[in-house]
Amino acid sequence: MQLSGVCILTDNAPRLAAFYETVLEESPVAEGQHYGFPGAQLAVYNPGGVTVAADKNMELMYFVADLMETYRRLRAALPRLRVTSPPQRRPWGAFSFWFLDPDGNTVSLIERKPGD
């Protein structure tokens, strides 16, 4: 079995797509209320009648080559970015930072140098 991707159901797909376009530095493939980011294996979709849950129990995790450069870029590009944990070395060895998307989903960016 292989993960095909993740689709976030939302009540505001254009807003969430614009956010992830900035984060992922990838333009989405848009079809109506469905926005796909094939390079990130991510989609956001409003099928109608979605209520965004307040309690979340998952997070998206992506590798980046330079965590501090990515952190500075996102802080400049998204002034309202809700950082929940600044860049730091985790007890398990990962160098990462965590933030929330506009729907309150946690995103974790983890540094992985080329060749690692």
Protein backbone atom coordinates (compact mmCIF):
# COMPACT_ATOMS: atom_id res chain seq x y z
CA MET A 1 0.00 0.00 0.00
CA GLN A 2 1.24 3.49 -0.84
CA LEU A 3 -0.12 6.86 0.23
CA SER A 4 -1.63 8.64 -2.78
CA GLY A 5 -1.89 11.99 -1.06
CA VAL A 6 -3.85 14.05 1.43
CA CYS A 7 -7.00 16.05 0.72
CA ILE A 8 -8.05 18.69 3.24
CA LEU A 9 -11.80 19.32 3.18
CA THR A 10 -12.51 22.97 3.88
CA ASP A 11 -15.24 25.57 3.73
CA ASN A 12 -12.92 28.02 1.92
CA ALA A 13 -10.83 26.26 -0.72
CA PRO A 14 -9.50 29.41 -2.48
CA ARG A 15 -8.14 30.81 0.82
CA LEU A 16 -6.50 27.53 1.81
CA ALA A 17 -5.11 27.02 -1.72
CA ALA A 18 -3.54 30.50 -1.69
CA PHE A 19 -1.93 29.73 1.68
CA TYR A 20 -0.46 26.43 0.50
CA GLU A 21 0.68 27.99 -2.78
CA THR A 22 2.87 30.32 -0.71
CA VAL A 23 4.05 27.60 1.69
CA LEU A 24 4.79 24.98 -0.98
CA GLU A 25 5.98 27.38 -3.69
CA GLU A 26 3.79 25.43 -6.12
CA SER A 27 0.83 26.67 -8.15
CA PRO A 28 -2.23 24.49 -7.72
CA VAL A 29 -4.11 22.71 -10.47
CA ALA A 30 -7.61 24.11 -9.99
CA GLU A 31 -10.85 22.47 -11.03
CA GLY A 32 -13.84 24.25 -9.51
CA GLN A 33 -13.47 24.04 -5.73
CA HIS A 34 -10.66 21.44 -5.93
CA TYR A 35 -7.04 22.64 -5.83
CA GLY A 36 -4.33 20.04 -6.30
CA PHE A 37 -0.64 20.36 -5.49
CA PRO A 38 0.76 17.23 -7.16
CA GLY A 39 4.37 17.88 -6.14
CA ALA A 40 3.33 17.94 -2.48
CA GLN A 41 0.73 15.15 -2.73
CA LEU A 42 -1.82 17.60 -1.32
CA ALA A 43 -5.25 18.81 -2.36
CA VAL A 44 -7.75 21.17 -0.79
CA TYR A 45 -11.41 20.80 -1.64
CA ASN A 46 -14.77 22.29 -0.75
CA PRO A 47 -17.44 19.73 -1.63
CA GLY A 48 -20.05 21.96 0.02
CA GLY A 49 -21.54 21.71 3.47
CA VAL A 50 -18.15 21.34 5.19
CA THR A 51 -17.82 22.37 8.81
CA VAL A 52 -14.17 22.84 9.74
CA ALA A 53 -13.57 20.96 12.99
CA ALA A 54 -11.96 22.83 15.87
CA ASP A 55 -10.14 19.76 17.19
CA LYS A 56 -7.40 18.40 14.94
CA ASN A 57 -5.65 15.07 15.29
CA MET A 58 -3.15 15.02 12.42
CA GLU A 59 -0.43 17.16 10.92
CA LEU A 60 1.18 17.55 7.52
CA MET A 61 4.94 17.01 7.51
CA TYR A 62 7.27 18.14 4.72
CA PHE A 63 11.03 18.06 4.30
CA VAL A 64 12.88 21.25 3.32
CA ALA A 65 16.54 21.69 2.43
CA ASP A 66 17.12 24.83 4.55
CA LEU A 67 14.76 25.25 7.49
CA MET A 68 15.90 28.72 8.58
CA GLU A 69 15.65 30.11 5.03
CA THR A 70 12.15 28.63 4.71
CA TYR A 71 11.15 30.00 8.12
CA ARG A 72 12.32 33.52 7.20
CA ARG A 73 10.59 33.33 3.79
CA LEU A 74 7.26 32.28 5.30
CA ARG A 75 7.41 34.85 8.11
CA ALA A 76 7.95 37.58 5.48
CA ALA A 77 5.38 36.28 2.99
CA LEU A 78 2.70 35.39 5.58
CA PRO A 79 2.83 38.04 8.34
CA ARG A 80 -0.10 36.39 10.15
CA LEU A 81 1.53 32.95 10.13
CA ARG A 82 0.59 31.22 13.41
CA VAL A 83 3.83 29.56 14.49
CA THR A 84 3.15 27.05 17.27
CA SER A 85 6.76 25.97 17.74
CA PRO A 86 9.72 27.97 16.38
CA PRO A 87 12.70 26.29 14.70
CA GLN A 88 14.43 23.99 17.13
CA ARG A 89 16.16 20.65 17.43
CA ARG A 90 13.65 18.08 18.73
CA PRO A 91 14.56 15.40 21.31
CA TRP A 92 14.40 12.79 18.51
CA GLY A 93 16.94 14.75 16.43
CA ALA A 94 14.71 16.51 13.88
CA PHE A 95 15.31 20.23 13.22
CA SER A 96 11.82 21.59 12.56
CA PHE A 97 9.19 24.24 13.12
CA TRP A 98 5.43 23.94 13.35
CA PHE A 99 2.66 26.30 12.27
CA LEU A 100 -1.08 26.33 11.62
CA ASP A 101 -2.82 26.76 8.27
CA PRO A 102 -5.89 29.06 8.09
CA ASP A 103 -8.17 26.13 9.07
CA GLY A 104 -6.03 25.30 12.12
CA ASN A 105 -4.27 22.22 10.69
CA THR A 106 -0.71 21.77 11.94
CA VAL A 107 2.09 21.81 9.38
CA SER A 108 5.59 20.67 10.33
CA LEU A 109 8.59 21.55 8.19
CA ILE A 110 11.64 19.40 8.82
CA GLU A 111 15.15 20.08 7.56
CA ARG A 112 16.71 17.38 5.42
CA LYS A 113 19.91 18.42 3.70
CA PRO A 114 20.48 17.15 0.15
CA GLY A 115 22.12 13.75 0.35
CA ASP A 116 20.61 12.90 3.75
